[in-house]
């Protein structure tokens, strides 16, 4: 999986490994994904107007939709504590997929993201299959019963 993320053109191979449910270390692979997109900025789109509490993000290849829920939560945790174009993009996609699956974030992960983004009304506009899908952070807040 690491070698698939080291080359600009081998991301489809990484996606194939994810879809085959290959075992992997979430920490190592999560860092490798962030590094991959940092090295290849043309593989993702990011836009935020100054002072707005929303970003628009797009991955040229959406591997997130085939990732396990456990890995999506790891990505949310790993990317939610800092603001870069890459981490915001990956976080937006992870949150969009978790929302689609009907999952809420664990309390500690939600709190980390909330500290970073400073409002639960922060919105990620995520391009999924050519349509912009809004993901409001508050909708992924842990349930009161948790």
Protein backbone atom coordinates (compact mmCIF):
# COMPACT_ATOMS: atom_id res chain seq x y z
CA UNK A 1 0.00 0.00 0.00
CA UNK A 2 2.87 2.37 0.77
CA UNK A 3 4.38 1.87 -2.68
CA UNK A 4 0.99 2.49 -4.30
CA UNK A 5 0.88 5.85 -2.53
CA UNK A 6 4.45 6.79 -3.43
CA UNK A 7 3.72 7.20 -7.16
CA UNK A 8 1.41 9.85 -8.61
CA UNK A 9 -0.26 7.42 -11.00
CA UNK A 10 -0.70 4.40 -8.73
CA UNK A 11 -3.58 5.64 -6.58
CA UNK A 12 -5.97 3.24 -8.38
CA UNK A 13 -3.84 0.36 -7.09
CA UNK A 14 -4.23 1.72 -3.57
CA UNK A 15 -7.99 1.87 -4.06
CA UNK A 16 -7.99 -1.72 -5.26
CA UNK A 17 -6.15 -2.81 -2.11
CA UNK A 18 -8.69 -0.97 0.05
CA UNK A 19 -11.59 -2.61 -1.79
CA UNK A 20 -10.01 -6.04 -1.25
CA UNK A 21 -9.97 -5.33 2.51
CA UNK A 22 -6.21 -5.79 2.77
CA UNK A 23 -4.97 -5.52 6.38
CA UNK A 24 -2.88 -2.42 7.10
CA UNK A 25 -1.63 -0.11 9.84
CA UNK A 26 -4.03 2.85 9.83
CA UNK A 27 -1.43 5.24 11.23
CA UNK A 28 1.22 4.43 8.63
CA UNK A 29 -1.20 4.44 5.69
CA UNK A 30 -3.01 7.55 6.93
CA UNK A 31 0.27 9.48 7.02
CA UNK A 32 1.18 8.12 3.58
CA UNK A 33 -2.15 9.37 2.15
CA UNK A 34 -1.57 12.86 3.56
CA UNK A 35 1.97 12.84 2.16
CA UNK A 36 0.72 11.61 -1.24
CA UNK A 37 -1.72 14.50 -1.63
CA UNK A 38 0.82 16.99 -0.28
CA UNK A 39 3.28 15.88 -2.99
CA UNK A 40 0.60 15.87 -5.72
CA UNK A 41 -1.54 18.98 -5.21
CA UNK A 42 -3.17 18.66 -8.63
CA UNK A 43 -4.88 15.45 -7.47
CA UNK A 44 -7.30 17.45 -5.30
CA UNK A 45 -9.20 20.74 -5.35
CA UNK A 46 -9.66 23.05 -2.38
CA UNK A 47 -11.36 26.41 -2.12
CA UNK A 48 -12.19 28.62 0.85
CA UNK A 49 -13.08 32.29 0.77
CA UNK A 50 -11.44 34.38 3.47
CA UNK A 51 -13.48 34.43 6.67
CA UNK A 52 -16.01 31.80 5.55
CA UNK A 53 -16.88 28.78 7.67
CA UNK A 54 -17.01 26.44 4.70
CA UNK A 55 -14.66 24.87 2.21
CA UNK A 56 -15.24 23.18 -1.12
CA UNK A 57 -13.15 20.08 -1.79
CA UNK A 58 -12.74 17.54 -4.57
CA UNK A 59 -10.54 14.47 -4.97
CA UNK A 60 -9.82 13.43 -8.54
CA UNK A 61 -10.07 9.84 -7.39
CA UNK A 62 -12.44 9.12 -4.53
CA UNK A 63 -11.00 6.10 -2.72
CA UNK A 64 -12.73 7.16 0.50
CA UNK A 65 -16.06 5.58 -0.41
CA UNK A 66 -14.53 2.10 -0.24
CA UNK A 67 -12.61 2.62 3.00
CA UNK A 68 -13.76 0.93 6.20
CA UNK A 69 -15.61 2.98 8.78
CA UNK A 70 -12.75 2.40 11.23
CA UNK A 71 -10.28 3.89 8.74
CA UNK A 72 -12.60 6.84 8.00
CA UNK A 73 -12.72 7.66 11.71
CA UNK A 74 -8.92 7.40 11.84
CA UNK A 75 -8.65 9.83 8.88
CA UNK A 76 -11.08 12.22 10.60
CA UNK A 77 -8.98 12.09 13.77
CA UNK A 78 -5.64 12.42 11.95
CA UNK A 79 -6.80 15.30 9.74
CA UNK A 80 -9.12 17.08 12.17
CA UNK A 81 -6.41 18.58 14.35
CA UNK A 82 -4.78 20.78 11.70
CA UNK A 83 -5.83 22.98 8.80
CA UNK A 84 -4.11 22.47 5.47
CA UNK A 85 -5.64 22.11 2.04
CA UNK A 86 -4.83 18.40 2.13
CA UNK A 87 -6.12 17.65 5.62
CA UNK A 88 -9.29 19.68 5.04
CA UNK A 89 -9.94 17.80 1.79
CA UNK A 90 -9.39 14.35 3.28
CA UNK A 91 -11.40 15.27 6.38
CA UNK A 92 -14.27 16.52 4.24
CA UNK A 93 -14.39 13.27 2.28
CA UNK A 94 -14.17 11.11 5.40
CA UNK A 95 -16.98 13.09 7.06
CA UNK A 96 -19.14 12.92 3.92
CA UNK A 97 -18.80 9.15 3.77
CA UNK A 98 -19.48 8.74 7.51
CA UNK A 99 -22.58 10.92 7.14
CA UNK A 100 -23.75 8.84 4.17
CA UNK A 101 -23.32 5.68 6.27
CA UNK A 102 -25.26 7.22 9.16
CA UNK A 103 -22.32 7.28 11.59
CA UNK A 104 -21.57 9.91 14.18
CA UNK A 105 -18.07 10.76 15.32
CA UNK A 106 -16.66 9.52 18.61
CA UNK A 107 -16.70 12.32 21.20
CA UNK A 108 -12.91 12.77 21.34
CA UNK A 109 -12.61 12.99 17.54
CA UNK A 110 -15.51 15.45 17.32
CA UNK A 111 -13.97 17.63 20.04
CA UNK A 112 -10.61 17.70 18.22
CA UNK A 113 -12.28 18.80 14.99
CA UNK A 114 -14.44 21.35 16.80
CA UNK A 115 -11.36 22.92 18.44
CA UNK A 116 -9.70 23.19 15.03
CA UNK A 117 -12.68 24.54 13.07
CA UNK A 118 -14.15 26.58 15.99
CA UNK A 119 -17.82 26.02 15.09
CA UNK A 120 -20.05 23.01 14.68
CA UNK A 121 -21.66 24.82 11.74
CA UNK A 122 -18.50 24.51 9.66
CA UNK A 123 -19.50 23.06 6.28
CA UNK A 124 -17.51 20.92 3.88
CA UNK A 125 -18.88 21.05 0.32
CA UNK A 126 -17.68 17.72 -1.03
CA UNK A 127 -17.82 16.85 -4.73
CA UNK A 128 -19.24 13.33 -5.00
CA UNK A 129 -19.91 11.96 -8.47
CA UNK A 130 -20.14 15.46 -9.96
CA UNK A 131 -22.56 16.86 -7.34
CA UNK A 132 -21.67 19.10 -4.40
CA UNK A 133 -22.75 17.53 -1.10
CA UNK A 134 -22.78 19.80 1.99
CA UNK A 135 -21.54 18.20 5.20
CA UNK A 136 -22.18 20.25 8.34
CA UNK A 137 -19.95 19.24 11.24
CA UNK A 138 -22.85 19.39 13.74
CA UNK A 139 -24.63 16.55 11.94
CA UNK A 140 -21.76 14.24 12.90
CA UNK A 141 -21.72 15.20 16.57
CA UNK A 142 -21.83 12.27 18.99
CA UNK A 143 -25.31 11.42 20.18
CA UNK A 144 -26.23 12.58 23.67
CA UNK A 145 -26.64 8.94 24.74
CA UNK A 146 -23.07 8.02 23.80
